[in-house]
Amino acid sequence: MKEMGLRATPKERYINTTDSNHNLRIYPNLLNQDFNVEKPNQVWVTDITYIWTLEGWVYLATVMDLFSRKIVGWSTASHMKKELVLKALNMALLLRQPSKRLIHHSDRGSQYCSTDYIDVLEDRKFEISMSRKGNPYDNACIESFHATIKKDLIYRRRFNTRTEAIKSINHYISSFYNGRRKHSSLGNCSPNNYEQAYHLNTQEDLATN
């Protein structure tokens, strides 16, 4: 490897993004690892991850539509306060305009249990679901996305500034991941193409009935 100029990807320093040691209300696990969804805006899953830059950490909050694995909302910041996840949620609400009874699934972190965040979910009449403590498999799909963006982008770059990292993350999600990255679970379609095919089939079914 040395002769060929190759090196292994170094192990990333671990940051715990879930602070479940709080007195805020915890909600039951409604999702229960059932990741099969029939149509868009039935189940959203959310989480936080982190990216190292030479200026310090950048934190990324994402909202995924479980039907198509599309990232429908995201935000970045130098902190993990509730405003980080609220901004990602508000982006998803603005872009998707979901109906009531959507299941919103997250971990038990203080950001997702905060009064401001829960108020938004309850105002929208969403069903609130949370993973069991210390069980990453309960939120496996969004965990998988965060592993994917790190393998595709983060581990391949050294970011000098937070601005540089944020610009790359925004482009990766909006242009590459949602638009072009194929998923075996979606029949090798990208999230955007999978949703387009669903809407086309729905329109054809309505036209024939």
C-alpha atoms as a PDB file:
ATOM      1  CA  MET A   1       0.000   0.000   0.000  1.00  0.00           C
ATOM      2  CA  LYS A   2       2.866   2.382   0.805  1.00  0.00           C
ATOM      3  CA  GLU A   3       4.497   1.772  -2.578  1.00  0.00           C
ATOM      4  CA  MET A   4       1.184   2.490  -4.341  1.00  0.00           C
ATOM      5  CA  GLY A   5       0.425   5.577  -2.254  1.00  0.00           C
ATOM      6  CA  LEU A   6      -2.568   3.977  -0.559  1.00  0.00           C
ATOM      7  CA  ARG A   7      -3.658   4.292   3.047  1.00  0.00           C
ATOM      8  CA  ALA A   8      -6.521   2.961   5.129  1.00  0.00           C
ATOM      9  CA  THR A   9      -9.315   5.280   6.173  1.00  0.00           C
ATOM     10  CA  PRO A  10      -8.548   6.302   9.774  1.00  0.00           C
ATOM     11  CA  LYS A  11     -11.120   5.516  12.422  1.00  0.00           C
ATOM     12  CA  GLU A  12     -13.174   8.564  13.233  1.00  0.00           C
ATOM     13  CA  ARG A  13     -13.220   9.941  16.748  1.00  0.00           C
ATOM     14  CA  TYR A  14     -16.487   8.994  18.415  1.00  0.00           C
ATOM     15  CA  ILE A  15     -18.936  11.676  19.504  1.00  0.00           C
ATOM     16  CA  ASN A  16     -22.106  10.761  21.390  1.00  0.00           C
ATOM     17  CA  THR A  17     -24.943  12.724  19.774  1.00  0.00           C
ATOM     18  CA  THR A  18     -27.699  11.238  21.956  1.00  0.00           C
ATOM     19  CA  ASP A  19     -28.157  12.716  25.416  1.00  0.00           C
ATOM     20  CA  SER A  20     -30.943  10.592  26.889  1.00  0.00           C
ATOM     21  CA  ASN A  21     -30.159  11.527  30.496  1.00  0.00           C
ATOM     22  CA  HIS A  22     -32.973  14.014  30.938  1.00  0.00           C
ATOM     23  CA  ASN A  23     -36.381  14.292  32.581  1.00  0.00           C
ATOM     24  CA  LEU A  24     -38.300  15.039  29.393  1.00  0.00           C
ATOM     25  CA  ARG A  25     -41.102  12.772  28.216  1.00  0.00           C
ATOM     26  CA  ILE A  26     -40.110   9.609  26.310  1.00  0.00           C
ATOM     27  CA  TYR A  27     -42.476   8.166  23.695  1.00  0.00           C
ATOM     28  CA  PRO A  28     -43.025   4.477  22.780  1.00  0.00           C
ATOM     29  CA  ASN A  29     -41.424   2.782  19.801  1.00  0.00           C
ATOM     30  CA  LEU A  30     -44.267   2.688  17.269  1.00  0.00           C
ATOM     31  CA  LEU A  31     -42.038   1.845  14.319  1.00  0.00           C
ATOM     32  CA  ASN A  32     -40.660  -1.318  15.935  1.00  0.00           C
ATOM     33  CA  GLN A  33     -38.094  -1.874  13.141  1.00  0.00           C
ATOM     34  CA  ASP A  34     -40.808  -2.140  10.465  1.00  0.00           C
ATOM     35  CA  PHE A  35     -39.106  -0.240   7.648  1.00  0.00           C
ATOM     36  CA  ASN A  36     -41.544  -1.224   4.871  1.00  0.00           C
ATOM     37  CA  VAL A  37     -43.646   1.792   3.916  1.00  0.00           C
ATOM     38  CA  GLU A  38     -46.284   1.882   1.167  1.00  0.00           C
ATOM     39  CA  LYS A  39     -46.271   5.547   0.173  1.00  0.00           C
ATOM     40  CA  PRO A  40     -44.491   8.865   0.804  1.00  0.00           C
ATOM     41  CA  ASN A  41     -45.009  10.874   3.996  1.00  0.00           C
ATOM     42  CA  GLN A  42     -46.135   7.944   6.120  1.00  0.00           C
ATOM     43  CA  VAL A  43     -42.961   7.594   8.198  1.00  0.00           C
ATOM     44  CA  TRP A  44     -40.104  10.035   8.736  1.00  0.00           C
ATOM     45  CA  VAL A  45     -36.959   9.023  10.616  1.00  0.00           C
ATOM     46  CA  THR A  46     -34.453  11.484  12.054  1.00  0.00           C
ATOM     47  CA  ASP A  47     -31.009  11.600  13.608  1.00  0.00           C
ATOM     48  CA  ILE A  48     -27.831  13.666  14.144  1.00  0.00           C
ATOM     49  CA  THR A  49     -24.274  12.923  13.036  1.00  0.00           C
ATOM     50  CA  TYR A  50     -20.994  14.850  13.048  1.00  0.00           C
ATOM     51  CA  ILE A  51     -18.216  15.868  10.639  1.00  0.00           C
ATOM     52  CA  TRP A  52     -14.713  17.008  11.583  1.00  0.00           C
ATOM     53  CA  THR A  53     -13.122  20.085  10.010  1.00  0.00           C
ATOM     54  CA  LEU A  54      -9.922  21.933  10.838  1.00  0.00           C
ATOM     55  CA  GLU A  55     -12.118  24.636  12.390  1.00  0.00           C
ATOM     56  CA  GLY A  56     -13.934  22.121  14.596  1.00  0.00           C
ATOM     57  CA  TRP A  57     -17.041  19.935  14.430  1.00  0.00           C
ATOM     58  CA  VAL A  58     -20.001  20.376  12.115  1.00  0.00           C
ATOM     59  CA  TYR A  59     -23.209  18.637  13.196  1.00  0.00           C
ATOM     60  CA  LEU A  60     -25.718  17.391  10.628  1.00  0.00           C
ATOM     61  CA  ALA A  61     -29.378  16.718  11.428  1.00  0.00           C
ATOM     62  CA  THR A  62     -31.372  14.844   8.802  1.00  0.00           C
ATOM     63  CA  VAL A  63     -34.988  13.826   8.177  1.00  0.00           C
ATOM     64  CA  MET A  64     -35.557  10.820   5.896  1.00  0.00           C
ATOM     65  CA  ASP A  65     -38.799   9.698   4.268  1.00  0.00           C
ATOM     66  CA  LEU A  66     -38.684   5.980   4.915  1.00  0.00           C
ATOM     67  CA  PHE A  67     -40.687   5.160   1.774  1.00  0.00           C
ATOM     68  CA  SER A  68     -38.010   6.315  -0.664  1.00  0.00           C
ATOM     69  CA  ARG A  69     -35.028   6.812   1.689  1.00  0.00           C
ATOM     70  CA  LYS A  70     -35.027  10.429   0.472  1.00  0.00           C
ATOM     71  CA  ILE A  71     -33.543  13.081   2.737  1.00  0.00           C
ATOM     72  CA  VAL A  72     -36.411  15.554   2.877  1.00  0.00           C
ATOM     73  CA  GLY A  73     -34.930  17.915   5.454  1.00  0.00           C
ATOM     74  CA  TRP A  74     -31.502  18.651   6.847  1.00  0.00           C
ATOM     75  CA  SER A  75     -29.522  21.314   8.663  1.00  0.00           C
ATOM     76  CA  THR A  76     -25.940  21.914   9.751  1.00  0.00           C
ATOM     77  CA  ALA A  77     -24.435  23.879  12.636  1.00  0.00           C
ATOM     78  CA  SER A  78     -21.472  24.047  14.985  1.00  0.00           C
ATOM     79  CA  HIS A  79     -23.710  22.879  17.869  1.00  0.00           C
ATOM     80  CA  MET A  80     -26.235  20.157  18.723  1.00  0.00           C
ATOM     81  CA  LYS A  81     -28.904  22.346  20.274  1.00  0.00           C
ATOM     82  CA  LYS A  82     -32.606  21.856  19.592  1.00  0.00           C
ATOM     83  CA  GLU A  83     -32.477  24.574  16.916  1.00  0.00           C
ATOM     84  CA  LEU A  84     -30.402  22.203  14.754  1.00  0.00           C
ATOM     85  CA  VAL A  85     -33.104  19.541  14.589  1.00  0.00           C
ATOM     86  CA  LEU A  86     -35.955  22.070  14.423  1.00  0.00           C
ATOM     87  CA  LYS A  87     -34.433  23.622  11.318  1.00  0.00           C
ATOM     88  CA  ALA A  88     -34.204  20.211   9.607  1.00  0.00           C
ATOM     89  CA  LEU A  89     -37.796  19.391  10.583  1.00  0.00           C
ATOM     90  CA  ASN A  90     -39.128  22.735   9.357  1.00  0.00           C
ATOM     91  CA  MET A  91     -37.388  22.243   6.014  1.00  0.00           C
ATOM     92  CA  ALA A  92     -39.096  18.848   5.634  1.00  0.00           C
ATOM     93  CA  LEU A  93     -42.485  20.296   6.587  1.00  0.00           C
ATOM     94  CA  LEU A  94     -42.132  23.147   4.105  1.00  0.00           C
ATOM     95  CA  LEU A  95     -41.049  20.945   1.208  1.00  0.00           C
ATOM     96  CA  ARG A  96     -43.368  17.973   1.782  1.00  0.00           C
ATOM     97  CA  GLN A  97     -46.524  19.398   3.414  1.00  0.00           C
ATOM     98  CA  PRO A  98     -47.418  16.001   4.956  1.00  0.00           C
ATOM     99  CA  SER A  99     -50.882  15.122   6.188  1.00  0.00           C
ATOM    100  CA  LYS A 100     -51.810  14.113   9.726  1.00  0.00           C
ATOM    101  CA  ARG A 101     -50.990  10.698  11.229  1.00  0.00           C
ATOM    102  CA  LEU A 102     -47.450  10.648   9.886  1.00  0.00           C
ATOM    103  CA  ILE A 103     -45.134   8.668  12.193  1.00  0.00           C
ATOM    104  CA  HIS A 104     -42.094  10.675  13.264  1.00  0.00           C
ATOM    105  CA  HIS A 105     -39.350   8.427  14.637  1.00  0.00           C
ATOM    106  CA  SER A 106     -36.193   9.543  16.446  1.00  0.00           C
ATOM    107  CA  ASP A 107     -33.905   8.521  19.269  1.00  0.00           C
ATOM    108  CA  ARG A 108     -34.453   9.695  22.840  1.00  0.00           C
ATOM    109  CA  GLY A 109     -32.044  12.617  22.593  1.00  0.00           C
ATOM    110  CA  SER A 110     -32.877  15.790  24.488  1.00  0.00           C
ATOM    111  CA  GLN A 111     -33.179  17.730  21.212  1.00  0.00           C
ATOM    112  CA  TYR A 112     -36.013  15.495  19.961  1.00  0.00           C
ATOM    113  CA  CYS A 113     -37.697  15.403  23.384  1.00  0.00           C
ATOM    114  CA  SER A 114     -37.536  19.168  23.856  1.00  0.00           C
ATOM    115  CA  THR A 115     -40.811  20.988  24.389  1.00  0.00           C
ATOM    116  CA  ASP A 116     -40.350  23.160  21.286  1.00  0.00           C
ATOM    117  CA  TYR A 117     -39.760  20.140  19.047  1.00  0.00           C
ATOM    118  CA  ILE A 118     -42.619  18.070  20.470  1.00  0.00           C
ATOM    119  CA  ASP A 119     -44.974  21.058  20.161  1.00  0.00           C
ATOM    120  CA  VAL A 120     -44.365  21.154  16.387  1.00  0.00           C
ATOM    121  CA  LEU A 121     -45.077  17.433  16.056  1.00  0.00           C
ATOM    122  CA  GLU A 122     -48.224  17.600  18.170  1.00  0.00           C
ATOM    123  CA  ASP A 123     -49.455  20.684  16.322  1.00  0.00           C
ATOM    124  CA  ARG A 124     -49.207  18.680  13.102  1.00  0.00           C
ATOM    125  CA  LYS A 125     -51.000  15.723  14.731  1.00  0.00           C
ATOM    126  CA  PHE A 126     -48.049  13.427  14.047  1.00  0.00           C
ATOM    127  CA  GLU A 127     -47.597  10.129  15.853  1.00  0.00           C
ATOM    128  CA  ILE A 128     -44.383  10.319  17.877  1.00  0.00           C
ATOM    129  CA  SER A 129     -42.123   7.273  18.008  1.00  0.00           C
ATOM    130  CA  MET A 130     -38.744   6.848  19.687  1.00  0.00           C
ATOM    131  CA  SER A 131     -36.077   4.153  19.657  1.00  0.00           C
ATOM    132  CA  ARG A 132     -35.398   2.044  22.691  1.00  0.00           C
ATOM    133  CA  LYS A 133     -32.444   3.171  24.760  1.00  0.00           C
ATOM    134  CA  GLY A 134     -29.099   2.055  23.332  1.00  0.00           C
ATOM    135  CA  ASN A 135     -30.608   0.230  20.335  1.00  0.00           C
ATOM    136  CA  PRO A 136     -29.316   1.684  17.014  1.00  0.00           C
ATOM    137  CA  TYR A 137     -31.202  -0.981  15.024  1.00  0.00           C
ATOM    138  CA  ASP A 138     -34.470   0.794  15.847  1.00  0.00           C
ATOM    139  CA  ASN A 139     -33.336   3.646  13.597  1.00  0.00           C
ATOM    140  CA  ALA A 140     -31.212   1.610  11.204  1.00  0.00           C
ATOM    141  CA  CYS A 141     -32.144   3.393   7.953  1.00  0.00           C
ATOM    142  CA  ILE A 142     -31.063   6.880   8.978  1.00  0.00           C
ATOM    143  CA  GLU A 143     -27.995   5.384  10.676  1.00  0.00           C
ATOM    144  CA  SER A 144     -27.210   3.724   7.341  1.00  0.00           C
ATOM    145  CA  PHE A 145     -27.508   7.056   5.523  1.00  0.00           C
ATOM    146  CA  HIS A 146     -25.049   8.689   7.889  1.00  0.00           C
ATOM    147  CA  ALA A 147     -22.624   5.820   7.316  1.00  0.00           C
ATOM    148  CA  THR A 148     -23.112   6.250   3.554  1.00  0.00           C
ATOM    149  CA  ILE A 149     -22.413   9.987   3.461  1.00  0.00           C
ATOM    150  CA  LYS A 150     -19.255   9.428   5.490  1.00  0.00           C
ATOM    151  CA  LYS A 151     -17.995   6.685   3.158  1.00  0.00           C
ATOM    152  CA  ASP A 152     -18.959   8.555  -0.022  1.00  0.00           C
ATOM    153  CA  LEU A 153     -17.874  12.038   1.042  1.00  0.00           C
ATOM    154  CA  ILE A 154     -16.547  12.727   4.533  1.00  0.00           C
ATOM    155  CA  TYR A 155     -13.802  10.100   4.725  1.00  0.00           C
ATOM    156  CA  ARG A 156     -12.541  11.088   1.266  1.00  0.00           C
ATOM    157  CA  ARG A 157     -12.009  14.765   2.099  1.00  0.00           C
ATOM    158  CA  ARG A 158     -10.194  16.970   4.551  1.00  0.00           C
ATOM    159  CA  PHE A 159     -12.298  20.048   5.211  1.00  0.00           C
ATOM    160  CA  ASN A 160     -10.383  23.163   6.141  1.00  0.00           C
ATOM    161  CA  THR A 161     -13.440  25.135   7.223  1.00  0.00           C
ATOM    162  CA  ARG A 162     -16.985  24.499   8.383  1.00  0.00           C
ATOM    163  CA  THR A 163     -18.247  26.469   5.387  1.00  0.00           C
ATOM    164  CA  GLU A 164     -16.424  24.133   3.031  1.00  0.00           C
ATOM    165  CA  ALA A 165     -17.889  21.082   4.735  1.00  0.00           C
ATOM    166  CA  ILE A 166     -21.427  22.464   4.757  1.00  0.00           C
ATOM    167  CA  LYS A 167     -21.267  23.332   1.061  1.00  0.00           C
ATOM    168  CA  SER A 168     -20.109  19.803   0.208  1.00  0.00           C
ATOM    169  CA  ILE A 169     -22.778  18.208   2.411  1.00  0.00           C
ATOM    170  CA  ASN A 170     -25.563  20.272   0.834  1.00  0.00           C
ATOM    171  CA  HIS A 171     -24.437  19.335  -2.665  1.00  0.00           C
ATOM    172  CA  TYR A 172     -24.064  15.661  -1.783  1.00  0.00           C
ATOM    173  CA  ILE A 173     -27.563  15.351  -0.354  1.00  0.00           C
ATOM    174  CA  SER A 174     -29.493  17.486  -2.844  1.00  0.00           C
ATOM    175  CA  SER A 175     -27.677  16.560  -6.042  1.00  0.00           C
ATOM    176  CA  PHE A 176     -26.022  13.174  -5.618  1.00  0.00           C
ATOM    177  CA  TYR A 177     -27.761  11.199  -2.875  1.00  0.00           C
ATOM    178  CA  ASN A 178     -31.380  12.169  -3.553  1.00  0.00           C
ATOM    179  CA  GLY A 179     -30.927  12.512  -7.285  1.00  0.00           C
ATOM    180  CA  ARG A 180     -28.500   9.833  -8.423  1.00  0.00           C
ATOM    181  CA  ARG A 181     -27.399   7.380  -5.746  1.00  0.00           C
ATOM    182  CA  LYS A 182     -29.009   3.996  -6.373  1.00  0.00           C
ATOM    183  CA  HIS A 183     -30.414   1.821  -3.582  1.00  0.00           C
ATOM    184  CA  SER A 184     -30.740  -1.940  -3.790  1.00  0.00           C
ATOM    185  CA  SER A 185     -33.790  -1.708  -1.503  1.00  0.00           C
ATOM    186  CA  LEU A 186     -35.434   0.583  -4.102  1.00  0.00           C
ATOM    187  CA  GLY A 187     -34.790  -1.691  -7.074  1.00  0.00           C
ATOM    188  CA  ASN A 188     -31.569   0.193  -7.859  1.00  0.00           C
ATOM    189  CA  CYS A 189     -33.413   3.509  -8.199  1.00  0.00           C
ATOM    190  CA  SER A 190     -32.393   6.797  -6.640  1.00  0.00           C
ATOM    191  CA  PRO A 191     -34.816   8.256  -4.066  1.00  0.00           C
ATOM    192  CA  ASN A 192     -36.060  10.882  -6.525  1.00  0.00           C
ATOM    193  CA  ASN A 193     -36.607   8.357  -9.304  1.00  0.00           C
ATOM    194  CA  TYR A 194     -38.361   5.971  -6.942  1.00  0.00           C
ATOM    195  CA  GLU A 195     -40.827   8.653  -5.881  1.00  0.00           C
ATOM    196  CA  GLN A 196     -41.374   9.779  -9.472  1.00  0.00           C
ATOM    197  CA  ALA A 197     -42.201   6.206 -10.476  1.00  0.00           C
ATOM    198  CA  TYR A 198     -44.641   5.924  -7.564  1.00  0.00           C
ATOM    199  CA  HIS A 199     -46.478   9.139  -8.502  1.00  0.00           C
ATOM    200  CA  LEU A 200     -46.603   8.131 -12.167  1.00  0.00           C
ATOM    201  CA  ASN A 201     -48.093   4.739 -11.303  1.00  0.00           C
ATOM    202  CA  THR A 202     -50.606   6.388  -8.971  1.00  0.00           C
ATOM    203  CA  GLN A 203     -51.746   8.761 -11.708  1.00  0.00           C
ATOM    204  CA  GLU A 204     -52.100   5.872 -14.157  1.00  0.00           C
ATOM    205  CA  ASP A 205     -54.174   3.897 -11.641  1.00  0.00           C
ATOM    206  CA  LEU A 206     -56.486   6.872 -11.113  1.00  0.00           C
ATOM    207  CA  ALA A 207     -56.869   7.355 -14.866  1.00  0.00           C
ATOM    208  CA  THR A 208     -57.926   3.728 -15.434  1.00  0.00           C
ATOM    209  CA  ASN A 209     -60.410   3.585 -12.518  1.00  0.00           C
END
